[in-house]
C-alpha atoms as a PDB file:
ATOM      1  CA  UNK A   1      26.313  21.088 -15.075  1.00  0.00           C
ATOM      2  CA  UNK A   2      26.433  24.622 -16.452  1.00  0.00           C
ATOM      3  CA  UNK A   3      24.279  25.348 -19.499  1.00  0.00           C
ATOM      4  CA  UNK A   4      25.865  27.137 -22.425  1.00  0.00           C
ATOM      5  CA  UNK A   5      24.342  30.436 -23.426  1.00  0.00           C
ATOM      6  CA  UNK A   6      23.982  31.711 -26.970  1.00  0.00           C
ATOM      7  CA  UNK A   7      27.498  32.261 -28.292  1.00  0.00           C
ATOM      8  CA  UNK A   8      26.462  34.729 -30.971  1.00  0.00           C
ATOM      9  CA  UNK A   9      26.966  38.437 -30.542  1.00  0.00           C
ATOM     10  CA  UNK A  10      24.070  39.901 -28.583  1.00  0.00           C
ATOM     11  CA  UNK A  11      21.377  41.788 -30.430  1.00  0.00           C
ATOM     12  CA  UNK A  12      22.356  45.092 -28.838  1.00  0.00           C
ATOM     13  CA  UNK A  13      23.423  48.180 -30.720  1.00  0.00           C
ATOM     14  CA  UNK A  14      23.290  48.753 -34.435  1.00  0.00           C
ATOM     15  CA  UNK A  15      24.276  46.565 -37.351  1.00  0.00           C
ATOM     16  CA  UNK A  16      27.246  48.901 -37.793  1.00  0.00           C
ATOM     17  CA  UNK A  17      28.343  48.185 -34.222  1.00  0.00           C
ATOM     18  CA  UNK A  18      28.196  44.449 -34.943  1.00  0.00           C
ATOM     19  CA  UNK A  19      30.343  44.886 -38.068  1.00  0.00           C
ATOM     20  CA  UNK A  20      32.928  46.878 -36.109  1.00  0.00           C
ATOM     21  CA  UNK A  21      33.096  44.173 -33.468  1.00  0.00           C
ATOM     22  CA  UNK A  22      33.458  41.423 -36.077  1.00  0.00           C
ATOM     23  CA  UNK A  23      36.207  43.366 -37.862  1.00  0.00           C
ATOM     24  CA  UNK A  24      38.073  43.886 -34.588  1.00  0.00           C
ATOM     25  CA  UNK A  25      37.817  40.185 -33.750  1.00  0.00           C
ATOM     26  CA  UNK A  26      39.043  39.346 -37.250  1.00  0.00           C
ATOM     27  CA  UNK A  27      41.987  41.715 -36.938  1.00  0.00           C
ATOM     28  CA  UNK A  28      42.948  40.069 -33.659  1.00  0.00           C
ATOM     29  CA  UNK A  29      42.667  36.568 -35.123  1.00  0.00           C
ATOM     30  CA  UNK A  30      44.833  37.567 -38.100  1.00  0.00           C
ATOM     31  CA  UNK A  31      47.425  39.304 -35.920  1.00  0.00           C
ATOM     32  CA  UNK A  32      47.751  36.278 -33.652  1.00  0.00           C
ATOM     33  CA  UNK A  33      47.835  33.843 -36.585  1.00  0.00           C
ATOM     34  CA  UNK A  34      50.665  35.787 -38.200  1.00  0.00           C
ATOM     35  CA  UNK A  35      52.515  36.161 -34.893  1.00  0.00           C
ATOM     36  CA  UNK A  36      52.499  32.386 -34.595  1.00  0.00           C
ATOM     37  CA  UNK A  37      53.612  31.974 -38.208  1.00  0.00           C
ATOM     38  CA  UNK A  38      50.513  30.036 -39.281  1.00  0.00           C
ATOM     39  CA  UNK A  39      48.828  30.053 -42.663  1.00  0.00           C
ATOM     40  CA  UNK A  40      45.046  30.269 -42.825  1.00  0.00           C
ATOM     41  CA  UNK A  41      45.081  26.666 -43.983  1.00  0.00           C
ATOM     42  CA  UNK A  42      47.138  25.507 -40.979  1.00  0.00           C
ATOM     43  CA  UNK A  43      45.037  27.483 -38.495  1.00  0.00           C
ATOM     44  CA  UNK A  44      41.912  26.025 -40.048  1.00  0.00           C
ATOM     45  CA  UNK A  45      43.324  22.529 -39.716  1.00  0.00           C
ATOM     46  CA  UNK A  46      44.311  23.083 -36.071  1.00  0.00           C
ATOM     47  CA  UNK A  47      40.908  24.634 -35.245  1.00  0.00           C
ATOM     48  CA  UNK A  48      38.910  22.088 -37.286  1.00  0.00           C
ATOM     49  CA  UNK A  49      37.554  24.907 -39.487  1.00  0.00           C
ATOM     50  CA  UNK A  50      37.753  25.303 -43.245  1.00  0.00           C
ATOM     51  CA  UNK A  51      40.532  27.655 -44.377  1.00  0.00           C
ATOM     52  CA  UNK A  52      37.964  29.794 -46.207  1.00  0.00           C
ATOM     53  CA  UNK A  53      36.066  30.264 -42.940  1.00  0.00           C
ATOM     54  CA  UNK A  54      39.254  31.599 -41.338  1.00  0.00           C
ATOM     55  CA  UNK A  55      39.411  34.197 -44.138  1.00  0.00           C
ATOM     56  CA  UNK A  56      35.769  35.152 -43.554  1.00  0.00           C
ATOM     57  CA  UNK A  57      36.477  35.628 -39.838  1.00  0.00           C
ATOM     58  CA  UNK A  58      39.610  37.691 -40.488  1.00  0.00           C
ATOM     59  CA  UNK A  59      37.654  39.983 -42.831  1.00  0.00           C
ATOM     60  CA  UNK A  60      34.867  40.390 -40.287  1.00  0.00           C
ATOM     61  CA  UNK A  61      32.345  38.607 -42.497  1.00  0.00           C
ATOM     62  CA  UNK A  62      31.633  35.790 -40.033  1.00  0.00           C
ATOM     63  CA  UNK A  63      31.723  35.317 -36.292  1.00  0.00           C
ATOM     64  CA  UNK A  64      33.628  32.550 -34.585  1.00  0.00           C
END
């Protein structure tokens, strides 16, 4: 059985680099959510995440 590695962003680069990556991920999540016609609430329900967490991710404030 394969062990899972740490799913967080690696501790490489600067804090600014991490923020840029999180913002880019958030932009992609938002773009795809809108393309599929989903609200943050619906995406949260489908992903078993709170709708506020979806907003945090889309703003680059939290990682997935």
